[in-house]
Amino acid sequence: MTGTPLHDALGVWMLVWSYAPIVAAIWVFDRWPSVGTLLLAIVITGVRMNALFVAAHEAYHYNLFRSRKLNVWVGGALASYAVMMPFFHSRTSHWDHHRYVGTDRDPDAPAWDWSAHERWRFAREMLMLATGLSYVERVARLVLGVPRVETNGARRARPMPEGDLKTQEIKRLVAAQLAVLGVFTVTVGPMWYVPLWLLPSVSIFRAWVSLREMLEHRRGAIIVYRAGLIERFLLGCFNFHLHAYHHAHASAPWFTLPALKEKAHAKLDGIVYLDSYFAELYAYMRGRSVVPSRGVEPAEAMAAGDVPLDERGETEQRPEGER
């Protein structure tokens, strides 16, 4: 399927299935408006935006579609900027995550590097993210150019776009949000854009993605979850529960991951298998998580998987027809 028209069709399906539950929830609210259906739509939208994150992630690796331009323009617009997430900055940061996974140089370390004695601090962090206040502060600092002041005991912050890239990302974010507002205007009404889209994208979505990131790289480990259908719908969308296989073969599209178990083990040592996202979360919050620390050196992380090697995302193992 890779490198064929079916690859593109699965990319379209990925986007459609990501949006479908959101559209359905908003339709239910529009058909039967009430406080209950409004809250349900907000929660479903925020949680399901995680699937759009996974679609954007495929676009980072040029795996959503065969065409690089489609990955950048369609993936960027519909799966990244639409949910208030910068594309180019996030893509570069994600490539560095692959290069330095499980080390202090991993830009995603603030998401997964939570020790057992920090578990209640982690819970407070998730609560702050769910309120949207953390995102508002981050955007304000980005727009105003105010760096975060690191104090003793403060957790390391993720890097933010700078210079011309910052300006470009802000312009595309604004354009995407105006497009979303336009869709709301011709459907359920422009007044519902903020509560049904903007609010969940800066609150519930942020907390849900951070929760998933913490669980999929606990203590810097590379993990596969034997998740059931419900957990895969909520957290491990589109084979994301096979996250270790993706780290071993970053240029492999999501629909090929189930067949890559043996190849992944040939490339990576110490893949951790866990039965459930929620069971691991429960174990962590009780101080009983047994996930081992990966503790690899950056050079080992870089050698482990076929991550992009330059700003265009070229990889050593990507077939010529997909460049």
Protein backbone atom coordinates (compact mmCIF):
# COMPACT_ATOMS: atom_id res chain seq x y z
CA MET A 1 0.00 0.00 0.00
CA THR A 2 2.91 2.35 0.68
CA GLY A 3 3.66 4.46 -2.38
CA THR A 4 0.32 3.64 -4.07
CA PRO A 5 -2.92 5.63 -4.48
CA LEU A 6 -4.29 3.62 -1.54
CA HIS A 7 -1.72 5.37 0.65
CA ASP A 8 -3.32 8.72 -0.22
CA ALA A 9 -6.81 7.29 0.28
CA LEU A 10 -5.84 6.14 3.78
CA GLY A 11 -4.51 9.63 4.48
CA VAL A 12 -7.87 11.11 3.53
CA TRP A 13 -9.64 8.49 5.64
CA MET A 14 -7.37 9.34 8.58
CA LEU A 15 -8.49 12.97 8.45
CA VAL A 16 -12.15 12.09 7.91
CA TRP A 17 -12.24 9.63 10.81
CA SER A 18 -10.45 12.15 13.02
CA TYR A 19 -13.09 14.80 12.37
CA ALA A 20 -16.17 12.54 12.22
CA PRO A 21 -16.76 12.16 16.01
CA ILE A 22 -16.25 15.91 16.45
CA VAL A 23 -18.78 16.73 13.73
CA ALA A 24 -21.22 14.19 15.18
CA ALA A 25 -20.93 15.65 18.70
CA ILE A 26 -21.47 19.21 17.45
CA TRP A 27 -24.44 18.05 15.34
CA VAL A 28 -26.03 16.43 18.39
CA PHE A 29 -25.67 19.69 20.31
CA ASP A 30 -27.11 21.69 17.42
CA ARG A 31 -30.03 19.26 17.12
CA TRP A 32 -30.73 18.96 20.86
CA PRO A 33 -29.17 22.02 22.51
CA SER A 34 -28.67 21.75 26.27
CA VAL A 35 -25.94 22.17 28.86
CA GLY A 36 -25.37 18.41 28.76
CA THR A 37 -24.92 18.15 24.98
CA LEU A 38 -22.75 21.29 25.01
CA LEU A 39 -20.40 19.83 27.62
CA LEU A 40 -20.38 16.50 25.81
CA ALA A 41 -19.44 18.19 22.54
CA ILE A 42 -16.63 20.17 24.22
CA VAL A 43 -15.14 17.04 25.80
CA ILE A 44 -15.44 14.89 22.66
CA THR A 45 -13.91 17.64 20.53
CA GLY A 46 -10.97 18.14 22.89
CA VAL A 47 -10.27 14.42 23.23
CA ARG A 48 -10.70 13.62 19.54
CA MET A 49 -8.32 16.40 18.53
CA ASN A 50 -5.68 13.93 19.70
CA ALA A 51 -6.43 12.00 16.50
CA LEU A 52 -5.70 15.16 14.52
CA PHE A 53 -2.41 15.43 16.39
CA VAL A 54 -1.57 11.91 15.20
CA ALA A 55 -2.48 12.93 11.63
CA ALA A 56 -0.19 15.96 11.93
CA HIS A 57 2.49 13.64 13.28
CA GLU A 58 2.20 11.53 10.13
CA ALA A 59 2.61 14.70 8.10
CA TYR A 60 5.79 15.57 10.06
CA HIS A 61 7.28 12.33 8.72
CA TYR A 62 5.80 12.82 5.23
CA ASN A 63 3.68 9.72 5.80
CA LEU A 64 0.15 11.15 5.67
CA PHE A 65 0.28 11.36 1.86
CA ARG A 66 2.83 10.37 -0.76
CA SER A 67 3.31 13.99 -1.84
CA ARG A 68 5.51 16.17 0.34
CA LYS A 69 3.46 19.25 -0.56
CA LEU A 70 0.22 17.57 0.50
CA ASN A 71 1.79 16.60 3.81
CA VAL A 72 2.83 20.20 4.44
CA TRP A 73 -0.23 22.04 3.15
CA VAL A 74 -3.10 19.66 3.86
CA GLY A 75 -1.58 18.06 6.95
CA GLY A 76 -0.50 21.45 8.26
CA ALA A 77 -3.81 23.20 7.67
CA LEU A 78 -6.30 20.47 8.67
CA ALA A 79 -4.40 18.62 11.40
CA SER A 80 -2.06 21.18 12.96
CA TYR A 81 -3.04 24.83 12.56
CA ALA A 82 -6.71 23.91 12.86
CA VAL A 83 -6.10 22.77 16.44
CA MET A 84 -3.91 25.77 17.34
CA MET A 85 -0.67 23.87 16.91
CA PRO A 86 2.29 25.26 14.90
CA PHE A 87 3.39 22.89 12.15
CA PHE A 88 6.98 23.65 11.13
CA HIS A 89 8.24 24.30 14.64
CA SER A 90 6.48 21.18 15.94
CA ARG A 91 7.90 19.13 13.07
CA THR A 92 11.49 20.18 13.77
CA SER A 93 11.01 19.61 17.48
CA HIS A 94 9.58 16.17 16.78
CA TRP A 95 12.56 15.19 14.63
CA ASP A 96 14.79 16.16 17.56
CA HIS A 97 12.60 14.00 19.80
CA HIS A 98 13.45 11.02 17.59
CA ARG A 99 17.15 11.84 17.61
CA TYR A 100 17.39 12.28 21.37
CA VAL A 101 14.52 10.20 22.75
CA GLY A 102 14.99 9.22 26.37
CA THR A 103 17.79 11.73 26.99
CA ASP A 104 18.05 15.20 28.50
CA ARG A 105 18.23 16.61 24.97
CA ASP A 106 14.79 15.28 24.06
CA PRO A 107 12.53 18.35 23.59
CA ASP A 108 9.59 16.20 24.76
CA ALA A 109 11.30 15.40 28.06
CA PRO A 110 9.11 17.91 29.96
CA ALA A 111 6.13 15.74 28.99
CA TRP A 112 7.48 12.32 30.03
CA ASP A 113 10.14 13.05 32.64
CA TRP A 114 7.92 12.81 35.72
CA SER A 115 9.36 10.90 38.66
CA ALA A 116 7.23 9.00 41.18
CA HIS A 117 7.50 11.70 43.84
CA GLU A 118 6.26 14.31 41.29
CA ARG A 119 2.98 12.53 40.58
CA TRP A 120 0.76 15.08 42.36
CA ARG A 121 2.65 17.89 40.69
CA PHE A 122 1.94 16.11 37.42
CA ALA A 123 -1.77 15.98 38.31
CA ARG A 124 -1.76 19.73 38.98
CA GLU A 125 0.00 20.32 35.66
CA MET A 126 -2.68 18.35 33.83
CA LEU A 127 -5.36 20.38 35.59
CA MET A 128 -3.70 23.64 34.57
CA LEU A 129 -3.49 22.45 30.97
CA ALA A 130 -7.16 21.41 31.04
CA THR A 131 -8.19 24.92 32.10
CA GLY A 132 -6.41 26.43 29.09
CA LEU A 133 -4.43 28.86 31.27
CA SER A 134 -1.08 27.24 30.44
CA TYR A 135 -1.69 27.60 26.70
CA VAL A 136 -2.85 31.21 27.02
CA GLU A 137 0.33 32.05 28.94
CA ARG A 138 2.50 30.29 26.34
CA VAL A 139 0.83 32.11 23.43
CA ALA A 140 1.12 35.45 25.22
CA ARG A 141 4.83 34.87 25.75
CA LEU A 142 5.23 33.84 22.11
CA VAL A 143 3.45 36.90 20.72
CA LEU A 144 5.09 39.36 23.10
CA GLY A 145 8.50 37.71 22.88
CA VAL A 146 8.74 37.30 26.65
CA PRO A 147 10.89 34.30 27.62
CA ARG A 148 9.96 32.10 30.54
CA VAL A 149 12.12 32.75 33.58
CA GLU A 150 13.59 29.52 34.92
CA THR A 151 13.56 29.38 38.72
CA ASN A 152 14.82 26.80 41.16
CA GLY A 153 12.50 23.82 41.08
CA ALA A 154 10.77 24.91 37.86
CA ARG A 155 10.34 22.31 35.15
CA ARG A 156 12.02 22.87 31.82
CA ALA A 157 9.74 24.46 29.25
CA ARG A 158 9.42 23.30 25.68
CA PRO A 159 11.10 25.53 23.08
CA MET A 160 8.97 28.05 21.19
CA PRO A 161 9.20 29.35 17.60
CA GLU A 162 11.45 32.35 17.09
CA GLY A 163 12.16 35.01 14.45
CA ASP A 164 10.67 34.66 10.98
CA LEU A 165 9.38 31.18 11.77
CA LYS A 166 7.31 32.60 14.63
CA THR A 167 5.73 35.18 12.31
CA GLN A 168 5.00 32.54 9.67
CA GLU A 169 3.43 30.17 12.18
CA ILE A 170 1.23 32.89 13.70
CA LYS A 171 -0.04 33.95 10.27
CA ARG A 172 -0.96 30.38 9.34
CA LEU A 173 -2.59 29.76 12.71
CA VAL A 174 -4.74 32.87 12.28
CA ALA A 175 -5.67 31.91 8.70
CA ALA A 176 -6.67 28.40 9.79
CA GLN A 177 -8.77 29.69 12.66
CA LEU A 178 -10.55 32.15 10.38
CA ALA A 179 -11.36 29.21 8.10
CA VAL A 180 -12.74 27.23 11.05
CA LEU A 181 -14.78 30.27 12.09
CA GLY A 182 -16.14 30.40 8.55
CA VAL A 183 -17.25 26.77 8.77
CA PHE A 184 -19.04 27.47 12.05
CA THR A 185 -20.65 30.58 10.52
CA VAL A 186 -22.31 28.60 7.72
CA THR A 187 -23.29 25.65 9.94
CA VAL A 188 -24.13 26.01 13.64
CA GLY A 189 -23.38 29.72 13.96
CA PRO A 190 -20.25 31.83 14.62
CA MET A 191 -21.06 32.26 18.34
CA TRP A 192 -20.27 28.59 18.90
CA TYR A 193 -16.74 28.75 17.48
CA VAL A 194 -15.19 29.73 20.82
CA PRO A 195 -16.93 27.23 23.15
CA LEU A 196 -17.05 24.31 20.70
CA TRP A 197 -13.68 24.66 18.99
CA LEU A 198 -11.27 27.24 20.38
CA LEU A 199 -11.88 26.38 24.03
CA PRO A 200 -11.29 22.59 23.71
CA SER A 201 -8.28 23.14 21.44
CA VAL A 202 -6.44 25.20 24.06
CA SER A 203 -7.57 23.22 27.11
CA ILE A 204 -8.78 19.61 27.02
CA PHE A 205 -6.77 18.82 23.90
CA ARG A 206 -3.53 20.09 25.48
CA ALA A 207 -4.05 18.07 28.65
CA TRP A 208 -5.05 14.92 26.76
CA VAL A 209 -2.04 15.04 24.43
CA SER A 210 0.33 15.69 27.33
CA LEU A 211 -1.16 12.75 29.20
CA ARG A 212 -0.63 10.49 26.19
CA GLU A 213 2.94 11.74 25.71
CA MET A 214 3.74 11.02 29.34
CA LEU A 215 2.37 7.49 29.09
CA GLU A 216 3.99 6.57 25.78
CA HIS A 217 7.48 7.55 26.96
CA ARG A 218 7.37 6.91 30.70
CA ARG A 219 10.85 7.61 32.12
CA GLY A 220 12.20 7.92 28.58
CA ALA A 221 11.24 4.35 27.69
CA ILE A 222 9.97 3.29 24.28
CA ILE A 223 6.65 1.57 24.83
CA VAL A 224 4.04 -0.55 23.07
CA TYR A 225 0.61 -0.69 24.66
CA ARG A 226 -1.56 -3.76 24.17
CA ALA A 227 -4.51 -1.39 24.21
CA GLY A 228 -8.10 -2.36 23.50
CA LEU A 229 -10.40 -0.58 21.06
CA ILE A 230 -11.57 2.06 23.52
CA GLU A 231 -8.06 3.08 24.57
CA ARG A 232 -6.92 3.06 20.96
CA PHE A 233 -9.82 5.36 20.04
CA LEU A 234 -9.11 7.71 22.95
CA LEU A 235 -5.28 7.68 23.11
CA GLY A 236 -3.56 5.28 20.71
CA CYS A 237 -5.28 6.47 17.53
CA PHE A 238 -4.14 5.05 14.20
CA ASN A 239 -1.72 2.50 15.67
CA PHE A 240 -0.08 5.07 17.92
CA HIS A 241 -0.21 2.46 20.67
CA LEU A 242 2.61 0.76 18.70
CA HIS A 243 4.78 3.77 19.37
CA ALA A 244 8.04 1.84 19.78
CA TYR A 245 7.67 0.39 16.28
CA HIS A 246 7.31 3.91 14.95
CA HIS A 247 10.53 4.97 16.66
CA ALA A 248 12.32 2.09 15.00
CA HIS A 249 10.86 2.90 11.56
CA ALA A 250 9.92 6.58 11.48
CA SER A 251 9.45 6.61 7.70
CA ALA A 252 6.87 3.80 7.84
CA PRO A 253 3.25 5.00 7.53
CA TRP A 254 0.89 4.28 10.41
CA PHE A 255 -0.95 1.50 8.60
CA THR A 256 2.25 -0.56 8.23
CA LEU A 257 3.25 -0.55 11.92
CA PRO A 258 1.49 -3.79 12.99
CA ALA A 259 3.72 -5.74 10.58
CA LEU A 260 6.97 -4.23 11.87
CA LYS A 261 7.30 -5.92 15.28
CA GLU A 262 10.24 -8.18 14.41
CA LYS A 263 12.06 -5.45 12.50
CA ALA A 264 11.54 -3.04 15.40
CA HIS A 265 13.08 -5.49 17.86
CA ALA A 266 16.03 -5.98 15.51
CA LYS A 267 16.67 -2.22 15.65
CA LEU A 268 15.77 -1.30 19.21
CA ASP A 269 16.66 -2.94 22.50
CA GLY A 270 14.50 -2.63 25.58
CA ILE A 271 11.06 -2.13 24.04
CA VAL A 272 8.58 -2.12 26.93
CA TYR A 273 5.17 -3.80 26.62
CA LEU A 274 2.30 -2.62 28.82
CA ASP A 275 -1.31 -3.80 28.83
CA SER A 276 -3.17 -0.53 29.27
CA TYR A 277 -2.69 3.24 29.18
CA PHE A 278 -5.10 3.76 32.06
CA ALA A 279 -3.63 0.93 34.12
CA GLU A 280 -0.17 2.50 33.79
CA LEU A 281 -1.59 5.90 34.75
CA TYR A 282 -3.23 4.34 37.82
CA ALA A 283 0.01 2.58 38.74
CA TYR A 284 1.99 5.81 38.36
CA MET A 285 -0.42 7.83 40.49
CA ARG A 286 -0.13 5.18 43.22
CA GLY A 287 3.66 5.23 42.98
CA ARG A 288 3.78 1.66 41.65
CA SER A 289 4.89 2.10 38.04
CA VAL A 290 7.60 -0.41 37.10
CA VAL A 291 8.61 1.09 33.75
CA PRO A 292 12.42 0.98 33.48
CA SER A 293 14.37 4.08 32.53
CA ARG A 294 15.74 3.93 29.00
CA GLY A 295 18.78 6.10 29.70
CA VAL A 296 20.27 5.92 26.18
CA GLU A 297 22.95 8.19 24.82
CA PRO A 298 21.91 10.62 22.05
CA ALA A 299 24.10 8.82 19.49
CA GLU A 300 22.30 5.57 20.23
CA ALA A 301 18.91 7.23 19.88
CA MET A 302 19.90 8.70 16.52
CA ALA A 303 21.14 5.35 15.26
CA ALA A 304 18.05 3.48 16.40
CA GLY A 305 15.55 4.73 13.86
CA ASP A 306 15.43 6.21 10.37
CA VAL A 307 14.70 9.77 11.49
CA PRO A 308 14.88 12.76 9.14
CA LEU A 309 18.42 13.97 8.63
CA ASP A 310 17.94 17.52 7.39
CA GLU A 311 15.40 20.34 7.24
CA ARG A 312 13.59 18.71 4.33
CA GLY A 313 13.08 15.52 6.26
CA GLU A 314 15.12 13.30 3.95
CA THR A 315 15.81 9.86 5.39
CA GLU A 316 18.33 7.25 4.48
CA GLN A 317 15.68 4.59 3.99
CA ARG A 318 12.79 6.42 2.32
CA PRO A 319 12.11 4.99 -1.16
CA GLU A 320 12.97 7.31 -4.01
CA GLY A 321 9.36 7.34 -5.20
CA GLU A 322 8.22 8.93 -1.93
CA ARG A 323 10.66 11.81 -1.92
